[in-house]
Amino acid sequence: MFLGLFFAVLAGLLVGLQNIFNAKVNEQAGTWATTALVLGLGFLASMTLGLVFEGSGLFMLDNMKTWHWFSGLIGVGVVICLVQGTRLLGPTYAIAIVLTSQLGFALLWDSLGWFGLEKIPFTFQQLVGVLVIAGGVIVFKFSSTEKKEVEQVQKPLKQYSVGR
């Protein structure tokens, strides 16, 4: 269990970091170039590390369902949407929404047993958990918006302050 927690936290760190890096690349290169760069370099790194650690076993894909092959196409959507969400909302707010959405859809897909997942019974506690997280995102958004609005009002007033 500890190892699973460690990898989950590490994944969160890496997704947050990648999101910020992708947004900075996007400022210079644009959305499609960013997506190509991110997924292209990811492919090269995965292929290299896969060959080093698994050798020819990397290509043993006999039992994979055909629709699983399209996972990379989903990755294109993930990168594009994250880059645009970060550009429009900022990294913290965008990631908070992404994680809440991810949790909500994971709960839905687990509960329905979609995509080959084992069907897990839906509980009221799970719904409350997702709603609490969504509520936290809303509180975060409105608290940071209020602060920005106050700063925007105070900034012009400071230039008119006398003797300070």
C-alpha atoms as a PDB file:
ATOM      1  CA  MET A   1       0.000   0.000   0.000  1.00  0.00           C
ATOM      2  CA  PHE A   2       2.835   2.410   0.868  1.00  0.00           C
ATOM      3  CA  LEU A   3       4.384   1.915  -2.553  1.00  0.00           C
ATOM      4  CA  GLY A   4       1.038   2.626  -4.241  1.00  0.00           C
ATOM      5  CA  LEU A   5       0.659   5.835  -2.220  1.00  0.00           C
ATOM      6  CA  PHE A   6       4.202   6.854  -3.089  1.00  0.00           C
ATOM      7  CA  PHE A   7       3.631   6.373  -6.830  1.00  0.00           C
ATOM      8  CA  ALA A   8       0.270   8.186  -6.700  1.00  0.00           C
ATOM      9  CA  VAL A   9       1.845  11.205  -4.981  1.00  0.00           C
ATOM     10  CA  LEU A  10       4.785  11.122  -7.387  1.00  0.00           C
ATOM     11  CA  ALA A  11       2.372  11.019 -10.339  1.00  0.00           C
ATOM     12  CA  GLY A  12       0.585  14.083  -8.975  1.00  0.00           C
ATOM     13  CA  LEU A  13       3.890  15.900  -8.641  1.00  0.00           C
ATOM     14  CA  LEU A  14       4.895  14.974 -12.189  1.00  0.00           C
ATOM     15  CA  VAL A  15       1.528  15.895 -13.731  1.00  0.00           C
ATOM     16  CA  GLY A  16       1.603  19.288 -12.008  1.00  0.00           C
ATOM     17  CA  LEU A  17       5.187  19.884 -13.107  1.00  0.00           C
ATOM     18  CA  GLN A  18       4.538  18.740 -16.670  1.00  0.00           C
ATOM     19  CA  ASN A  19       1.479  20.983 -16.859  1.00  0.00           C
ATOM     20  CA  ILE A  20       3.540  24.048 -15.932  1.00  0.00           C
ATOM     21  CA  PHE A  21       6.331  23.117 -18.361  1.00  0.00           C
ATOM     22  CA  ASN A  22       3.802  22.483 -21.150  1.00  0.00           C
ATOM     23  CA  ALA A  23       2.193  25.884 -20.566  1.00  0.00           C
ATOM     24  CA  LYS A  24       5.598  27.579 -20.846  1.00  0.00           C
ATOM     25  CA  VAL A  25       6.422  25.683 -24.056  1.00  0.00           C
ATOM     26  CA  ASN A  26       2.994  26.634 -25.404  1.00  0.00           C
ATOM     27  CA  GLU A  27       3.749  30.336 -24.884  1.00  0.00           C
ATOM     28  CA  GLN A  28       6.610  30.008 -27.372  1.00  0.00           C
ATOM     29  CA  ALA A  29       5.588  27.197 -29.686  1.00  0.00           C
ATOM     30  CA  GLY A  30       1.788  26.972 -29.836  1.00  0.00           C
ATOM     31  CA  THR A  31      -0.588  24.162 -28.953  1.00  0.00           C
ATOM     32  CA  TRP A  32       0.163  21.644 -31.685  1.00  0.00           C
ATOM     33  CA  ALA A  33       3.926  22.040 -31.480  1.00  0.00           C
ATOM     34  CA  THR A  34       3.699  21.631 -27.698  1.00  0.00           C
ATOM     35  CA  THR A  35       1.612  18.487 -28.058  1.00  0.00           C
ATOM     36  CA  ALA A  36       3.970  17.023 -30.670  1.00  0.00           C
ATOM     37  CA  LEU A  37       7.004  17.853 -28.536  1.00  0.00           C
ATOM     38  CA  VAL A  38       5.507  16.442 -25.323  1.00  0.00           C
ATOM     39  CA  LEU A  39       4.215  13.237 -26.856  1.00  0.00           C
ATOM     40  CA  GLY A  40       7.199  12.817 -29.209  1.00  0.00           C
ATOM     41  CA  LEU A  41       9.758  13.139 -26.429  1.00  0.00           C
ATOM     42  CA  GLY A  42       7.571  10.938 -24.234  1.00  0.00           C
ATOM     43  CA  PHE A  43       7.556   8.302 -26.968  1.00  0.00           C
ATOM     44  CA  LEU A  44      11.336   8.419 -27.336  1.00  0.00           C
ATOM     45  CA  ALA A  45      11.882   8.223 -23.580  1.00  0.00           C
ATOM     46  CA  SER A  46       9.356   5.384 -23.178  1.00  0.00           C
ATOM     47  CA  MET A  47      10.801   3.439 -26.087  1.00  0.00           C
ATOM     48  CA  THR A  48      14.383   3.852 -24.848  1.00  0.00           C
ATOM     49  CA  LEU A  49      13.604   2.952 -21.233  1.00  0.00           C
ATOM     50  CA  GLY A  50      11.317   0.108 -22.329  1.00  0.00           C
ATOM     51  CA  LEU A  51      14.072  -1.415 -24.444  1.00  0.00           C
ATOM     52  CA  VAL A  52      16.610  -1.018 -21.628  1.00  0.00           C
ATOM     53  CA  PHE A  53      14.404  -2.576 -18.930  1.00  0.00           C
ATOM     54  CA  GLU A  54      12.238  -5.023 -20.901  1.00  0.00           C
ATOM     55  CA  GLY A  55      14.202  -5.721 -24.069  1.00  0.00           C
ATOM     56  CA  SER A  56      12.214  -7.449 -26.788  1.00  0.00           C
ATOM     57  CA  GLY A  57       9.456  -8.196 -24.248  1.00  0.00           C
ATOM     58  CA  LEU A  58       8.392  -4.602 -24.779  1.00  0.00           C
ATOM     59  CA  PHE A  59       6.600  -5.664 -27.958  1.00  0.00           C
ATOM     60  CA  MET A  60       4.643  -8.648 -26.554  1.00  0.00           C
ATOM     61  CA  LEU A  61       1.175  -7.230 -27.189  1.00  0.00           C
ATOM     62  CA  ASP A  62      -0.677 -10.390 -28.260  1.00  0.00           C
ATOM     63  CA  ASN A  63      -3.527 -10.189 -25.743  1.00  0.00           C
ATOM     64  CA  MET A  64      -4.239  -6.474 -26.025  1.00  0.00           C
ATOM     65  CA  LYS A  65      -7.711  -5.491 -27.166  1.00  0.00           C
ATOM     66  CA  THR A  66      -7.858  -3.426 -30.357  1.00  0.00           C
ATOM     67  CA  TRP A  67      -9.520  -0.429 -28.715  1.00  0.00           C
ATOM     68  CA  HIS A  68      -6.643  -0.146 -26.205  1.00  0.00           C
ATOM     69  CA  TRP A  69      -4.344   0.817 -29.077  1.00  0.00           C
ATOM     70  CA  PHE A  70      -6.068   4.211 -29.238  1.00  0.00           C
ATOM     71  CA  SER A  71      -4.859   5.309 -25.818  1.00  0.00           C
ATOM     72  CA  GLY A  72      -2.213   7.523 -27.424  1.00  0.00           C
ATOM     73  CA  LEU A  73      -4.931   9.472 -29.209  1.00  0.00           C
ATOM     74  CA  ILE A  74      -6.506  10.183 -25.830  1.00  0.00           C
ATOM     75  CA  GLY A  75      -3.088  11.500 -24.751  1.00  0.00           C
ATOM     76  CA  VAL A  76      -3.253  14.108 -27.513  1.00  0.00           C
ATOM     77  CA  GLY A  77      -6.540  15.353 -26.082  1.00  0.00           C
ATOM     78  CA  VAL A  78      -5.130  15.348 -22.558  1.00  0.00           C
ATOM     79  CA  VAL A  79      -2.123  17.484 -23.491  1.00  0.00           C
ATOM     80  CA  ILE A  80      -4.114  19.940 -25.614  1.00  0.00           C
ATOM     81  CA  CYS A  81      -6.831  20.384 -22.985  1.00  0.00           C
ATOM     82  CA  LEU A  82      -4.345  20.752 -20.124  1.00  0.00           C
ATOM     83  CA  VAL A  83      -2.268  23.307 -22.014  1.00  0.00           C
ATOM     84  CA  GLN A  84      -5.331  25.369 -22.907  1.00  0.00           C
ATOM     85  CA  GLY A  85      -6.868  25.030 -19.441  1.00  0.00           C
ATOM     86  CA  THR A  86      -3.620  26.167 -17.828  1.00  0.00           C
ATOM     87  CA  ARG A  87      -3.299  29.085 -20.234  1.00  0.00           C
ATOM     88  CA  LEU A  88      -6.847  30.252 -19.554  1.00  0.00           C
ATOM     89  CA  LEU A  89      -7.201  29.447 -15.838  1.00  0.00           C
ATOM     90  CA  GLY A  90      -3.684  29.201 -14.424  1.00  0.00           C
ATOM     91  CA  PRO A  91      -1.974  26.001 -13.272  1.00  0.00           C
ATOM     92  CA  THR A  92      -3.495  25.606  -9.802  1.00  0.00           C
ATOM     93  CA  TYR A  93      -7.107  26.141 -10.776  1.00  0.00           C
ATOM     94  CA  ALA A  94      -6.791  24.068 -13.978  1.00  0.00           C
ATOM     95  CA  ILE A  95      -5.203  21.104 -12.168  1.00  0.00           C
ATOM     96  CA  ALA A  96      -7.786  21.313  -9.357  1.00  0.00           C
ATOM     97  CA  ILE A  97     -10.573  21.040 -11.926  1.00  0.00           C
ATOM     98  CA  VAL A  98      -8.791  18.275 -13.842  1.00  0.00           C
ATOM     99  CA  LEU A  99      -8.285  16.211 -10.686  1.00  0.00           C
ATOM    100  CA  THR A 100     -11.890  16.710  -9.569  1.00  0.00           C
ATOM    101  CA  SER A 101     -13.146  15.750 -13.023  1.00  0.00           C
ATOM    102  CA  GLN A 102     -10.801  12.767 -13.111  1.00  0.00           C
ATOM    103  CA  LEU A 103     -12.058  11.548  -9.735  1.00  0.00           C
ATOM    104  CA  GLY A 104     -15.702  12.020 -10.688  1.00  0.00           C
ATOM    105  CA  PHE A 105     -15.343  10.128 -13.969  1.00  0.00           C
ATOM    106  CA  ALA A 106     -13.273   7.372 -12.335  1.00  0.00           C
ATOM    107  CA  LEU A 107     -16.083   6.942  -9.798  1.00  0.00           C
ATOM    108  CA  LEU A 108     -18.651   6.801 -12.622  1.00  0.00           C
ATOM    109  CA  TRP A 109     -16.662   4.295 -14.688  1.00  0.00           C
ATOM    110  CA  ASP A 110     -15.868   2.118 -11.641  1.00  0.00           C
ATOM    111  CA  SER A 111     -19.510   2.138 -10.590  1.00  0.00           C
ATOM    112  CA  LEU A 112     -20.726   1.178 -14.071  1.00  0.00           C
ATOM    113  CA  GLY A 113     -17.893  -1.277 -14.745  1.00  0.00           C
ATOM    114  CA  TRP A 114     -17.074   0.383 -18.062  1.00  0.00           C
ATOM    115  CA  PHE A 115     -13.898  -0.111 -20.114  1.00  0.00           C
ATOM    116  CA  GLY A 116     -13.248  -3.556 -18.680  1.00  0.00           C
ATOM    117  CA  LEU A 117     -13.122  -2.348 -15.073  1.00  0.00           C
ATOM    118  CA  GLU A 118     -14.439  -4.474 -12.251  1.00  0.00           C
ATOM    119  CA  LYS A 119     -17.822  -3.049 -11.262  1.00  0.00           C
ATOM    120  CA  ILE A 120     -17.583  -1.440  -7.822  1.00  0.00           C
ATOM    121  CA  PRO A 121     -20.809  -0.571  -6.009  1.00  0.00           C
ATOM    122  CA  PHE A 122     -21.542   3.157  -5.879  1.00  0.00           C
ATOM    123  CA  THR A 123     -21.943   4.557  -2.354  1.00  0.00           C
ATOM    124  CA  PHE A 124     -23.290   7.801  -0.987  1.00  0.00           C
ATOM    125  CA  GLN A 125     -19.960   8.368   0.809  1.00  0.00           C
ATOM    126  CA  GLN A 126     -18.121   8.298  -2.517  1.00  0.00           C
ATOM    127  CA  LEU A 127     -20.491  10.910  -3.927  1.00  0.00           C
ATOM    128  CA  VAL A 128     -20.040  13.093  -0.849  1.00  0.00           C
ATOM    129  CA  GLY A 129     -16.261  12.780  -1.194  1.00  0.00           C
ATOM    130  CA  VAL A 130     -16.325  13.985  -4.805  1.00  0.00           C
ATOM    131  CA  LEU A 131     -18.752  16.807  -3.922  1.00  0.00           C
ATOM    132  CA  VAL A 132     -16.515  17.935  -1.035  1.00  0.00           C
ATOM    133  CA  ILE A 133     -13.539  18.098  -3.379  1.00  0.00           C
ATOM    134  CA  ALA A 134     -15.599  19.985  -5.978  1.00  0.00           C
ATOM    135  CA  GLY A 135     -16.730  22.360  -3.219  1.00  0.00           C
ATOM    136  CA  GLY A 136     -13.091  22.909  -2.288  1.00  0.00           C
ATOM    137  CA  VAL A 137     -12.292  23.875  -5.867  1.00  0.00           C
ATOM    138  CA  ILE A 138     -15.166  26.378  -5.843  1.00  0.00           C
ATOM    139  CA  VAL A 139     -14.040  27.852  -2.513  1.00  0.00           C
ATOM    140  CA  PHE A 140     -10.480  28.073  -3.855  1.00  0.00           C
ATOM    141  CA  LYS A 141     -11.628  29.849  -7.006  1.00  0.00           C
ATOM    142  CA  PHE A 142     -13.763  32.434  -5.235  1.00  0.00           C
ATOM    143  CA  SER A 143     -11.211  33.104  -2.510  1.00  0.00           C
ATOM    144  CA  SER A 144      -8.433  33.692  -5.044  1.00  0.00           C
ATOM    145  CA  THR A 145     -10.738  35.820  -7.227  1.00  0.00           C
ATOM    146  CA  GLU A 146     -11.646  38.045  -4.275  1.00  0.00           C
ATOM    147  CA  LYS A 147      -7.997  38.584  -3.444  1.00  0.00           C
ATOM    148  CA  LYS A 148      -7.173  39.513  -7.049  1.00  0.00           C
ATOM    149  CA  GLU A 149     -10.110  41.936  -7.194  1.00  0.00           C
ATOM    150  CA  VAL A 150      -8.987  43.630  -3.973  1.00  0.00           C
ATOM    151  CA  GLU A 151      -5.409  43.891  -5.295  1.00  0.00           C
ATOM    152  CA  GLN A 152      -6.676  45.368  -8.576  1.00  0.00           C
ATOM    153  CA  VAL A 153      -8.630  48.025  -6.681  1.00  0.00           C
ATOM    154  CA  GLN A 154      -5.794  48.803  -4.242  1.00  0.00           C
ATOM    155  CA  LYS A 155      -3.070  49.030  -6.898  1.00  0.00           C
ATOM    156  CA  PRO A 156      -4.368  52.210  -8.594  1.00  0.00           C
ATOM    157  CA  LEU A 157      -5.145  53.759  -5.204  1.00  0.00           C
ATOM    158  CA  LYS A 158      -1.513  53.393  -4.082  1.00  0.00           C
ATOM    159  CA  GLN A 159      -0.289  55.743  -6.802  1.00  0.00           C
ATOM    160  CA  TYR A 160      -2.467  58.516  -5.341  1.00  0.00           C
ATOM    161  CA  SER A 161      -1.247  58.000  -1.756  1.00  0.00           C
ATOM    162  CA  VAL A 162       0.553  61.075  -0.419  1.00  0.00           C
ATOM    163  CA  GLY A 163       3.706  60.783   1.687  1.00  0.00           C
ATOM    164  CA  ARG A 164       4.097  57.024   1.414  1.00  0.00           C
END
